Amino acid sequence: MGINAKDFERMKSRLAGESRLSEELCTGTNGRLHDVIIGIDPSLRGTGYGVIQRSRPVPRVLAQGTIKAGARWERSRCLLQITQTLRQVLREHSPTVCVVEGLFYAQNFQTALIMGEARGASLVATAEDGLEIYEIAPRKVKQAIVGYGAAQKLAVARMVQRMLNLAEAPAADAADALALALTYLQETSRHSLTVPKRI
């Protein structure tokens, strides 16, 4: 099947546009190169976070962990814990971009509400620090990291360990956060035609 000159020029133009968009994602609207990325996997009782620095041959992990809240804590106290801990992580490592897990369908309204609150606390902490914020759907992250959109948490953790040359697999929530940051790096490479959604 052949391609005419007009179609070829259209394809070149489209690819050039994708490349420009990808470059903007890597450098940000203020022209800074996004060398340090924080991924956040929000949850009321266990918000995962992971901070990585762009480097070769593999990104370097600057910080990772889970923001834990007691089972008997009021929701307001849990949300404060998330916000305060993230503020501290942001101060220590100065990321310029944040990637948060995208919204997913929840059958239970109460669960969706609580997850939304944890997500909101995370977004406030990063937005007030001036970070650009993007979201990536959970299935897309699993596809990018493991190659299978319905992969289990253990598979994600082991692949993150391998990709970042870690001595041991991170805890599940931290692994998900690191996977978000890694997926952002992949999707903002010059060779990628897909880009994360900015929020």
N, C-alpha and C. Protein backbone atom coordinates (compact mmCIF):
# COMPACT_ATOMS: atom_id res chain seq x y z
N MET A 1 0.84 -1.18 0.00
CA MET A 1 0.00 0.00 0.00
C MET A 1 0.89 1.24 0.00
N GLY A 2 0.65 2.17 -0.94
CA GLY A 2 1.46 3.37 -1.05
C GLY A 2 0.92 4.51 -0.21
N ILE A 3 1.71 5.57 -0.12
CA ILE A 3 1.30 6.78 0.60
C ILE A 3 1.67 7.97 -0.26
N ASN A 4 0.72 8.91 -0.40
CA ASN A 4 1.02 10.06 -1.26
C ASN A 4 1.74 11.14 -0.46
N ALA A 5 2.26 12.13 -1.17
CA ALA A 5 3.07 13.19 -0.55
C ALA A 5 2.28 13.98 0.48
N LYS A 6 1.00 14.23 0.21
CA LYS A 6 0.17 15.00 1.13
C LYS A 6 0.00 14.27 2.46
N ASP A 7 -0.29 12.96 2.39
CA ASP A 7 -0.43 12.15 3.60
C ASP A 7 0.87 12.08 4.38
N PHE A 8 1.98 11.98 3.65
CA PHE A 8 3.30 11.92 4.28
C PHE A 8 3.58 13.20 5.07
N GLU A 9 3.27 14.36 4.46
CA GLU A 9 3.48 15.64 5.14
C GLU A 9 2.60 15.75 6.39
N ARG A 10 1.35 15.24 6.28
CA ARG A 10 0.45 15.25 7.44
C ARG A 10 1.02 14.43 8.59
N MET A 11 1.56 13.25 8.25
CA MET A 11 2.15 12.39 9.28
C MET A 11 3.36 13.06 9.93
N LYS A 12 4.19 13.70 9.12
CA LYS A 12 5.36 14.39 9.66
C LYS A 12 4.95 15.50 10.60
N SER A 13 3.92 16.24 10.22
CA SER A 13 3.43 17.35 11.04
C SER A 13 2.88 16.84 12.37
N ARG A 14 2.12 15.74 12.31
CA ARG A 14 1.55 15.17 13.53
C ARG A 14 2.64 14.69 14.48
N LEU A 15 3.63 13.99 13.92
CA LEU A 15 4.73 13.49 14.75
C LEU A 15 5.54 14.63 15.35
N ALA A 16 5.73 15.70 14.59
CA ALA A 16 6.45 16.86 15.11
C ALA A 16 5.68 17.49 16.26
N GLY A 17 4.37 17.54 16.14
CA GLY A 17 3.52 18.08 17.21
C GLY A 17 3.60 17.25 18.46
N GLU A 18 3.59 15.92 18.31
CA GLU A 18 3.70 15.02 19.45
C GLU A 18 5.05 15.20 20.13
N SER A 19 6.09 15.37 19.30
CA SER A 19 7.43 15.54 19.85
C SER A 19 7.54 16.83 20.65
N ARG A 20 6.92 17.92 20.13
CA ARG A 20 6.93 19.20 20.85
C ARG A 20 6.21 19.07 22.17
N LEU A 21 5.05 18.38 22.16
CA LEU A 21 4.27 18.21 23.39
C LEU A 21 5.06 17.39 24.40
N SER A 22 5.71 16.33 23.93
CA SER A 22 6.52 15.51 24.82
C SER A 22 7.66 16.32 25.42
N GLU A 23 8.28 17.18 24.60
CA GLU A 23 9.38 18.01 25.10
C GLU A 23 8.88 19.00 26.14
N GLU A 24 7.67 19.56 25.93
CA GLU A 24 7.10 20.47 26.91
C GLU A 24 6.85 19.77 28.23
N LEU A 25 6.41 18.51 28.18
CA LEU A 25 6.17 17.74 29.40
C LEU A 25 7.48 17.50 30.13
N CYS A 26 8.55 17.27 29.40
CA CYS A 26 9.85 17.01 30.03
C CYS A 26 10.41 18.28 30.66
N THR A 27 10.20 19.42 30.01
CA THR A 27 10.80 20.65 30.49
C THR A 27 9.87 21.49 31.34
N GLY A 28 8.55 21.32 31.16
CA GLY A 28 7.61 22.11 31.95
C GLY A 28 7.31 23.44 31.31
N THR A 29 6.25 24.08 31.78
CA THR A 29 5.83 25.34 31.19
C THR A 29 6.78 26.48 31.51
N ASN A 30 7.57 26.35 32.57
CA ASN A 30 8.51 27.41 32.93
C ASN A 30 9.90 27.17 32.36
N GLY A 31 10.05 26.14 31.54
CA GLY A 31 11.33 25.88 30.89
C GLY A 31 12.28 25.02 31.70
N ARG A 32 11.93 24.67 32.95
CA ARG A 32 12.80 23.83 33.77
C ARG A 32 12.72 22.38 33.29
N LEU A 33 13.86 21.71 33.29
CA LEU A 33 13.86 20.29 32.96
C LEU A 33 13.37 19.52 34.18
N HIS A 34 12.42 18.63 33.97
CA HIS A 34 11.91 17.83 35.07
C HIS A 34 12.88 16.70 35.37
N ASP A 35 13.89 17.00 36.17
CA ASP A 35 14.87 15.99 36.56
C ASP A 35 14.41 15.17 37.74
N VAL A 36 13.58 15.77 38.61
CA VAL A 36 13.13 15.08 39.82
C VAL A 36 11.61 14.97 39.79
N ILE A 37 11.12 13.75 39.86
CA ILE A 37 9.68 13.47 39.72
C ILE A 37 9.20 12.77 40.98
N ILE A 38 8.03 13.18 41.48
CA ILE A 38 7.41 12.47 42.59
C ILE A 38 6.15 11.78 42.10
N GLY A 39 6.02 10.52 42.44
CA GLY A 39 4.80 9.77 42.16
C GLY A 39 4.05 9.59 43.47
N ILE A 40 2.72 9.69 43.41
CA ILE A 40 1.90 9.55 44.62
C ILE A 40 0.74 8.60 44.34
N ASP A 41 0.60 7.61 45.23
CA ASP A 41 -0.51 6.66 45.17
C ASP A 41 -1.38 6.92 46.41
N PRO A 42 -2.43 7.77 46.27
CA PRO A 42 -3.18 8.22 47.45
C PRO A 42 -4.07 7.14 48.07
N SER A 43 -4.08 7.12 49.39
CA SER A 43 -4.97 6.26 50.16
C SER A 43 -5.04 6.83 51.57
N LEU A 44 -6.19 6.77 52.19
CA LEU A 44 -6.37 7.40 53.50
C LEU A 44 -5.42 6.83 54.54
N ARG A 45 -5.26 5.52 54.58
CA ARG A 45 -4.44 4.89 55.63
C ARG A 45 -3.03 4.53 55.17
N GLY A 46 -2.75 4.62 53.88
CA GLY A 46 -1.43 4.26 53.39
C GLY A 46 -1.12 4.87 52.04
N THR A 47 -0.80 6.17 52.04
CA THR A 47 -0.45 6.86 50.79
C THR A 47 1.00 6.57 50.44
N GLY A 48 1.22 6.00 49.27
CA GLY A 48 2.57 5.72 48.82
C GLY A 48 3.17 6.91 48.08
N TYR A 49 4.47 7.10 48.25
CA TYR A 49 5.17 8.14 47.50
C TYR A 49 6.53 7.62 47.07
N GLY A 50 7.00 8.13 45.96
CA GLY A 50 8.31 7.76 45.45
C GLY A 50 8.89 8.91 44.66
N VAL A 51 10.12 9.28 44.97
CA VAL A 51 10.80 10.38 44.29
C VAL A 51 11.98 9.81 43.54
N ILE A 52 12.03 10.06 42.24
CA ILE A 52 13.15 9.58 41.43
C ILE A 52 13.79 10.74 40.68
N GLN A 53 15.06 10.56 40.37
CA GLN A 53 15.81 11.56 39.61
C GLN A 53 16.21 10.96 38.27
N ARG A 54 15.98 11.73 37.23
CA ARG A 54 16.35 11.29 35.89
C ARG A 54 17.87 11.12 35.83
N SER A 55 18.32 9.93 35.45
CA SER A 55 19.76 9.68 35.29
C SER A 55 19.95 8.45 34.42
N ARG A 56 21.16 8.23 33.98
CA ARG A 56 21.47 7.07 33.15
C ARG A 56 22.51 6.20 33.84
N PRO A 57 22.44 4.91 33.72
CA PRO A 57 21.54 4.16 32.84
C PRO A 57 20.14 3.96 33.41
N VAL A 58 19.97 4.14 34.72
CA VAL A 58 18.64 3.99 35.31
C VAL A 58 18.36 5.19 36.21
N PRO A 59 17.08 5.55 36.38
CA PRO A 59 16.75 6.64 37.30
C PRO A 59 17.20 6.29 38.73
N ARG A 60 17.50 7.34 39.49
CA ARG A 60 17.97 7.16 40.87
C ARG A 60 16.84 7.43 41.84
N VAL A 61 16.65 6.56 42.81
CA VAL A 61 15.60 6.75 43.83
C VAL A 61 16.14 7.69 44.91
N LEU A 62 15.43 8.80 45.11
CA LEU A 62 15.81 9.75 46.16
C LEU A 62 15.07 9.48 47.46
N ALA A 63 13.82 9.04 47.34
CA ALA A 63 13.00 8.75 48.52
C ALA A 63 11.84 7.87 48.13
N GLN A 64 11.39 7.08 49.08
CA GLN A 64 10.20 6.26 48.87
C GLN A 64 9.63 5.91 50.23
N GLY A 65 8.35 5.65 50.27
CA GLY A 65 7.76 5.26 51.55
C GLY A 65 6.25 5.26 51.49
N THR A 66 5.67 4.96 52.65
CA THR A 66 4.22 4.94 52.80
C THR A 66 3.84 5.83 53.98
N ILE A 67 2.92 6.74 53.74
CA ILE A 67 2.42 7.62 54.81
C ILE A 67 1.30 6.87 55.52
N LYS A 68 1.61 6.36 56.69
CA LYS A 68 0.66 5.52 57.41
C LYS A 68 -0.15 6.33 58.41
N ALA A 69 -1.41 5.94 58.56
CA ALA A 69 -2.31 6.57 59.52
C ALA A 69 -2.95 5.47 60.35
N GLY A 70 -3.10 5.72 61.63
CA GLY A 70 -3.66 4.72 62.52
C GLY A 70 -5.09 4.34 62.17
N ALA A 71 -5.41 3.07 62.41
CA ALA A 71 -6.75 2.57 62.07
C ALA A 71 -7.86 3.32 62.81
N ARG A 72 -7.55 3.87 63.97
CA ARG A 72 -8.57 4.56 64.77
C ARG A 72 -8.53 6.08 64.60
N TRP A 73 -7.62 6.56 63.77
CA TRP A 73 -7.55 8.00 63.55
C TRP A 73 -8.78 8.51 62.83
N GLU A 74 -9.21 9.73 63.19
CA GLU A 74 -10.28 10.38 62.43
C GLU A 74 -9.76 10.69 61.03
N ARG A 75 -10.67 10.78 60.08
CA ARG A 75 -10.24 11.04 58.69
C ARG A 75 -9.49 12.36 58.59
N SER A 76 -9.92 13.36 59.33
CA SER A 76 -9.25 14.66 59.25
C SER A 76 -7.79 14.56 59.69
N ARG A 77 -7.52 13.74 60.69
CA ARG A 77 -6.14 13.56 61.15
C ARG A 77 -5.31 12.82 60.10
N CYS A 78 -5.92 11.85 59.45
CA CYS A 78 -5.23 11.12 58.37
C CYS A 78 -4.85 12.07 57.23
N LEU A 79 -5.79 12.92 56.85
CA LEU A 79 -5.55 13.86 55.75
C LEU A 79 -4.45 14.86 56.11
N LEU A 80 -4.42 15.29 57.36
CA LEU A 80 -3.37 16.19 57.82
C LEU A 80 -2.01 15.50 57.75
N GLN A 81 -1.98 14.23 58.14
CA GLN A 81 -0.73 13.45 58.09
C GLN A 81 -0.22 13.35 56.66
N ILE A 82 -1.12 13.10 55.72
CA ILE A 82 -0.73 13.02 54.30
C ILE A 82 -0.13 14.34 53.84
N THR A 83 -0.84 15.43 54.12
CA THR A 83 -0.40 16.75 53.66
C THR A 83 0.94 17.14 54.27
N GLN A 84 1.08 16.98 55.57
CA GLN A 84 2.31 17.39 56.25
C GLN A 84 3.51 16.55 55.81
N THR A 85 3.32 15.26 55.66
CA THR A 85 4.43 14.40 55.24
C THR A 85 4.87 14.72 53.82
N LEU A 86 3.90 14.92 52.93
CA LEU A 86 4.26 15.26 51.55
C LEU A 86 4.97 16.60 51.48
N ARG A 87 4.53 17.56 52.28
CA ARG A 87 5.22 18.86 52.30
C ARG A 87 6.69 18.68 52.69
N GLN A 88 6.95 17.83 53.66
CA GLN A 88 8.32 17.58 54.10
C GLN A 88 9.14 16.92 52.99
N VAL A 89 8.55 15.92 52.32
CA VAL A 89 9.25 15.23 51.22
C VAL A 89 9.56 16.22 50.10
N LEU A 90 8.61 17.10 49.79
CA LEU A 90 8.81 18.10 48.74
C LEU A 90 9.93 19.07 49.11
N ARG A 91 9.98 19.47 50.36
CA ARG A 91 11.04 20.38 50.82
C ARG A 91 12.41 19.72 50.70
N GLU A 92 12.50 18.45 51.05
CA GLU A 92 13.79 17.76 51.07
C GLU A 92 14.33 17.45 49.68
N HIS A 93 13.44 17.19 48.72
CA HIS A 93 13.91 16.69 47.42
C HIS A 93 13.59 17.60 46.24
N SER A 94 12.77 18.60 46.42
CA SER A 94 12.47 19.62 45.40
C SER A 94 12.10 19.07 44.03
N PRO A 95 11.13 18.16 43.95
CA PRO A 95 10.68 17.73 42.61
C PRO A 95 9.97 18.89 41.92
N THR A 96 9.92 18.83 40.60
CA THR A 96 9.23 19.89 39.85
C THR A 96 7.96 19.38 39.17
N VAL A 97 7.74 18.06 39.23
CA VAL A 97 6.54 17.50 38.63
C VAL A 97 6.03 16.35 39.51
N CYS A 98 4.72 16.23 39.56
CA CYS A 98 4.06 15.19 40.35
C CYS A 98 3.18 14.35 39.43
N VAL A 99 3.21 13.04 39.66
CA VAL A 99 2.33 12.13 38.92
C VAL A 99 1.49 11.39 39.94
N VAL A 100 0.18 11.49 39.80
CA VAL A 100 -0.73 10.87 40.75
C VAL A 100 -1.57 9.81 40.02
N GLU A 101 -1.97 8.80 40.77
CA GLU A 101 -2.78 7.76 40.16
C GLU A 101 -4.13 8.33 39.73
N GLY A 102 -4.55 8.01 38.52
CA GLY A 102 -5.82 8.49 38.00
C GLY A 102 -7.00 7.87 38.72
N LEU A 103 -8.14 8.50 38.61
CA LEU A 103 -9.35 8.01 39.25
C LEU A 103 -9.76 6.68 38.65
N PHE A 104 -10.31 5.81 39.47
CA PHE A 104 -10.80 4.53 38.99
C PHE A 104 -12.23 4.33 39.48
N TYR A 105 -12.92 3.41 38.86
CA TYR A 105 -14.31 3.15 39.20
C TYR A 105 -14.38 2.40 40.53
N ALA A 106 -15.19 2.91 41.45
CA ALA A 106 -15.40 2.23 42.73
C ALA A 106 -16.88 1.95 42.91
N GLN A 107 -17.21 0.71 43.22
CA GLN A 107 -18.62 0.35 43.41
C GLN A 107 -19.19 0.96 44.68
N ASN A 108 -18.35 1.10 45.70
CA ASN A 108 -18.79 1.62 46.98
C ASN A 108 -18.60 3.14 47.02
N PHE A 109 -19.70 3.88 47.19
CA PHE A 109 -19.64 5.34 47.18
C PHE A 109 -18.76 5.85 48.32
N GLN A 110 -18.87 5.25 49.50
CA GLN A 110 -18.10 5.69 50.66
C GLN A 110 -16.60 5.53 50.40
N THR A 111 -16.22 4.41 49.78
CA THR A 111 -14.82 4.17 49.44
C THR A 111 -14.32 5.22 48.47
N ALA A 112 -15.12 5.52 47.45
CA ALA A 112 -14.75 6.53 46.46
C ALA A 112 -14.57 7.90 47.11
N LEU A 113 -15.45 8.23 48.05
CA LEU A 113 -15.37 9.51 48.75
C LEU A 113 -14.08 9.62 49.56
N ILE A 114 -13.76 8.57 50.31
CA ILE A 114 -12.56 8.57 51.14
C ILE A 114 -11.30 8.64 50.28
N MET A 115 -11.28 7.88 49.18
CA MET A 115 -10.13 7.92 48.27
C MET A 115 -9.97 9.32 47.67
N GLY A 116 -11.11 9.94 47.36
CA GLY A 116 -11.08 11.29 46.81
C GLY A 116 -10.50 12.29 47.80
N GLU A 117 -10.80 12.11 49.08
CA GLU A 117 -10.26 13.01 50.10
C GLU A 117 -8.74 12.87 50.20
N ALA A 118 -8.25 11.63 50.19
CA ALA A 118 -6.80 11.40 50.25
C ALA A 118 -6.11 11.97 49.01
N ARG A 119 -6.74 11.80 47.88
CA ARG A 119 -6.20 12.35 46.63
C ARG A 119 -6.16 13.88 46.70
N GLY A 120 -7.25 14.47 47.25
CA GLY A 120 -7.30 15.93 47.38
C GLY A 120 -6.21 16.47 48.28
N ALA A 121 -5.95 15.79 49.41
CA ALA A 121 -4.88 16.21 50.32
C ALA A 121 -3.53 16.17 49.61
N SER A 122 -3.31 15.13 48.81
CA SER A 122 -2.05 15.00 48.06
C SER A 122 -1.91 16.10 47.02
N LEU A 123 -3.01 16.40 46.33
CA LEU A 123 -2.97 17.42 45.28
C LEU A 123 -2.72 18.81 45.87
N VAL A 124 -3.33 19.09 47.01
CA VAL A 124 -3.11 20.39 47.65
C VAL A 124 -1.64 20.57 48.03
N ALA A 125 -1.06 19.55 48.65
CA ALA A 125 0.34 19.63 49.07
C ALA A 125 1.27 19.89 47.90
N THR A 126 1.03 19.23 46.77
CA THR A 126 1.91 19.41 45.61
C THR A 126 1.61 20.69 44.85
N ALA A 127 0.33 21.04 44.75
CA ALA A 127 -0.03 22.26 44.01
C ALA A 127 0.47 23.52 44.72
N GLU A 128 0.40 23.54 46.05
CA GLU A 128 0.85 24.73 46.76
C GLU A 128 2.36 24.91 46.65
N ASP A 129 3.07 23.83 46.31
CA ASP A 129 4.52 23.91 46.13
C ASP A 129 4.88 24.28 44.68
N GLY A 130 3.86 24.46 43.85
CA GLY A 130 4.09 24.92 42.47
C GLY A 130 4.43 23.82 41.48
N LEU A 131 4.22 22.56 41.83
CA LEU A 131 4.53 21.47 40.91
C LEU A 131 3.50 21.37 39.80
N GLU A 132 3.94 20.94 38.63
CA GLU A 132 3.00 20.55 37.59
C GLU A 132 2.50 19.16 37.97
N ILE A 133 1.21 18.91 37.78
CA ILE A 133 0.62 17.65 38.24
C ILE A 133 -0.04 16.93 37.06
N TYR A 134 0.28 15.65 36.94
CA TYR A 134 -0.29 14.81 35.89
C TYR A 134 -0.90 13.57 36.53
N GLU A 135 -1.85 12.97 35.82
CA GLU A 135 -2.42 11.71 36.30
C GLU A 135 -2.31 10.65 35.22
N ILE A 136 -2.12 9.43 35.68
CA ILE A 136 -2.05 8.28 34.78
C ILE A 136 -2.93 7.18 35.36
N ALA A 137 -3.74 6.57 34.53
CA ALA A 137 -4.66 5.53 34.98
C ALA A 137 -3.88 4.31 35.48
N PRO A 138 -4.40 3.64 36.53
CA PRO A 138 -3.71 2.47 37.08
C PRO A 138 -3.39 1.39 36.05
N ARG A 139 -4.33 1.10 35.16
CA ARG A 139 -4.09 0.05 34.16
C ARG A 139 -2.96 0.44 33.20
N LYS A 140 -2.87 1.73 32.91
CA LYS A 140 -1.83 2.20 32.00
C LYS A 140 -0.45 2.07 32.66
N VAL A 141 -0.40 2.33 33.95
CA VAL A 141 0.86 2.19 34.69
C VAL A 141 1.31 0.73 34.69
N LYS A 142 0.38 -0.17 34.99
CA LYS A 142 0.71 -1.60 35.01
C LYS A 142 1.16 -2.08 33.63
N GLN A 143 0.49 -1.58 32.60
CA GLN A 143 0.86 -1.94 31.23
C GLN A 143 2.28 -1.47 30.93
N ALA A 144 2.60 -0.24 31.35
CA ALA A 144 3.92 0.33 31.06
C ALA A 144 5.03 -0.38 31.83
N ILE A 145 4.75 -0.77 33.07
CA ILE A 145 5.79 -1.33 33.92
C ILE A 145 5.91 -2.85 33.77
N VAL A 146 4.77 -3.54 33.77
CA VAL A 146 4.78 -5.01 33.75
C VAL A 146 4.47 -5.57 32.36
N GLY A 147 3.75 -4.76 31.56
CA GLY A 147 3.34 -5.24 30.25
C GLY A 147 1.97 -5.88 30.25
N TYR A 148 1.26 -5.75 31.39
CA TYR A 148 -0.06 -6.36 31.54
C TYR A 148 -0.90 -5.45 32.43
N GLY A 149 -2.03 -4.95 31.89
CA GLY A 149 -2.84 -3.96 32.58
C GLY A 149 -3.55 -4.42 33.82
N ALA A 150 -3.62 -5.74 34.04
CA ALA A 150 -4.28 -6.26 35.24
C ALA A 150 -3.28 -6.95 36.17
N ALA A 151 -2.02 -6.53 36.10
CA ALA A 151 -0.97 -7.14 36.91
C ALA A 151 -1.23 -6.95 38.40
N GLN A 152 -0.79 -7.90 39.20
CA GLN A 152 -0.93 -7.82 40.66
C GLN A 152 0.13 -6.89 41.24
N LYS A 153 -0.13 -6.41 42.45
CA LYS A 153 0.78 -5.47 43.10
C LYS A 153 2.19 -6.05 43.27
N LEU A 154 2.28 -7.33 43.58
CA LEU A 154 3.59 -7.95 43.77
C LEU A 154 4.41 -7.92 42.49
N ALA A 155 3.75 -8.14 41.36
CA ALA A 155 4.45 -8.10 40.07
C ALA A 155 4.96 -6.70 39.77
N VAL A 156 4.14 -5.69 40.11
CA VAL A 156 4.56 -4.29 39.91
C VAL A 156 5.78 -3.99 40.79
N ALA A 157 5.71 -4.40 42.05
CA ALA A 157 6.81 -4.13 42.99
C ALA A 157 8.11 -4.77 42.52
N ARG A 158 8.02 -6.00 42.05
CA ARG A 158 9.24 -6.69 41.60
C ARG A 158 9.83 -6.06 40.35
N MET A 159 8.95 -5.62 39.45
CA MET A 159 9.46 -4.99 38.23
C MET A 159 10.06 -3.61 38.54
N VAL A 160 9.46 -2.87 39.47
CA VAL A 160 10.02 -1.58 39.90
C VAL A 160 11.40 -1.81 40.52
N GLN A 161 11.52 -2.85 41.35
CA GLN A 161 12.81 -3.19 41.96
C GLN A 161 13.86 -3.41 40.88
N ARG A 162 13.47 -4.16 39.86
CA ARG A 162 14.41 -4.48 38.77
C ARG A 162 14.77 -3.24 37.96
N MET A 163 13.77 -2.43 37.63
CA MET A 163 14.01 -1.25 36.79
C MET A 163 14.86 -0.19 37.49
N LEU A 164 14.78 -0.15 38.83
CA LEU A 164 15.51 0.87 39.59
C LEU A 164 16.74 0.30 40.30
N ASN A 165 17.04 -0.97 40.05
CA ASN A 165 18.20 -1.64 40.66
C ASN A 165 18.18 -1.52 42.19
N LEU A 166 17.03 -1.78 42.79
CA LEU A 166 16.91 -1.71 44.24
C LEU A 166 17.31 -3.04 44.87
N ALA A 167 17.82 -2.98 46.07
CA ALA A 167 18.26 -4.19 46.77
C ALA A 167 17.09 -5.10 47.09
N GLU A 168 15.94 -4.50 47.37
CA GLU A 168 14.74 -5.30 47.66
C GLU A 168 13.51 -4.61 47.08
N ALA A 169 12.45 -5.38 46.94
CA ALA A 169 11.21 -4.82 46.39
C ALA A 169 10.61 -3.82 47.36
N PRO A 170 10.14 -2.67 46.87
CA PRO A 170 9.51 -1.69 47.76
C PRO A 170 8.17 -2.22 48.27
N ALA A 171 7.69 -1.64 49.37
CA ALA A 171 6.35 -1.95 49.86
C ALA A 171 5.34 -1.61 48.77
N ALA A 172 4.18 -2.25 48.79
CA ALA A 172 3.21 -2.16 47.69
C ALA A 172 2.84 -0.71 47.33
N ASP A 173 2.50 0.11 48.32
CA ASP A 173 2.06 1.48 48.02
C ASP A 173 3.21 2.32 47.47
N ALA A 174 4.40 2.18 48.04
CA ALA A 174 5.57 2.90 47.54
C ALA A 174 5.93 2.43 46.13
N ALA A 175 5.79 1.12 45.89
CA ALA A 175 6.08 0.58 44.55
C ALA A 175 5.15 1.17 43.51
N ASP A 176 3.87 1.30 43.86
CA ASP A 176 2.91 1.90 42.93
C ASP A 176 3.27 3.35 42.63
N ALA A 177 3.72 4.08 43.65
CA ALA A 177 4.12 5.48 43.46
C ALA A 177 5.36 5.58 42.57
N LEU A 178 6.35 4.72 42.82
CA LEU A 178 7.54 4.70 41.97
C LEU A 178 7.19 4.31 40.54
N ALA A 179 6.24 3.39 40.39
CA ALA A 179 5.80 2.98 39.05
C ALA A 179 5.17 4.15 38.31
N LEU A 180 4.43 4.99 39.02
CA LEU A 180 3.84 6.19 38.40
C LEU A 180 4.93 7.11 37.87
N ALA A 181 5.95 7.35 38.69
CA ALA A 181 7.05 8.23 38.28
C ALA A 181 7.81 7.64 37.09
N LEU A 182 8.04 6.33 37.11
CA LEU A 182 8.73 5.68 36.00
C LEU A 182 7.91 5.75 34.71
N THR A 183 6.60 5.56 34.83
CA THR A 183 5.73 5.64 33.66
C THR A 183 5.76 7.04 33.06
N TYR A 184 5.78 8.05 33.92
CA TYR A 184 5.88 9.43 33.44
C TYR A 184 7.17 9.61 32.62
N LEU A 185 8.28 9.10 33.14
CA LEU A 185 9.54 9.21 32.40
C LEU A 185 9.45 8.53 31.04
N GLN A 186 8.84 7.35 31.01
CA GLN A 186 8.69 6.63 29.74
C GLN A 186 7.82 7.42 28.76
N GLU A 187 6.71 7.94 29.26
CA GLU A 187 5.74 8.58 28.37
C GLU A 187 6.17 9.96 27.91
N THR A 188 7.14 10.54 28.59
CA THR A 188 7.62 11.85 28.15
C THR A 188 8.94 11.75 27.40
N SER A 189 9.30 10.52 27.04
CA SER A 189 10.49 10.36 26.21
C SER A 189 10.17 10.84 24.80
N ARG A 190 11.16 11.16 24.05
CA ARG A 190 10.96 11.68 22.69
C ARG A 190 10.34 10.64 21.77
N HIS A 191 10.42 9.36 22.15
CA HIS A 191 9.93 8.30 21.28
C HIS A 191 8.48 7.94 21.55
N SER A 192 7.90 8.50 22.63
CA SER A 192 6.53 8.13 22.99
C SER A 192 5.52 9.01 22.27
N LEU A 193 4.42 8.39 21.83
CA LEU A 193 3.35 9.14 21.17
C LEU A 193 2.17 9.36 22.11
N THR A 194 2.27 8.88 23.34
CA THR A 194 1.21 9.11 24.32
C THR A 194 1.74 9.99 25.43
N VAL A 195 0.87 10.84 25.97
CA VAL A 195 1.30 11.77 27.01
C VAL A 195 0.31 11.70 28.17
N PRO A 196 0.81 11.91 29.41
CA PRO A 196 -0.11 11.90 30.55
C PRO A 196 -1.05 13.09 30.53
N LYS A 197 -2.15 12.97 31.27
CA LYS A 197 -3.14 14.03 31.36
C LYS A 197 -2.76 14.98 32.49
N ARG A 198 -2.71 16.27 32.18
CA ARG A 198 -2.37 17.25 33.21
C ARG A 198 -3.64 17.64 33.97
N ILE A 199 -3.52 17.80 35.30
CA ILE A 199 -4.67 18.20 36.11
C ILE A 199 -4.30 19.42 36.95
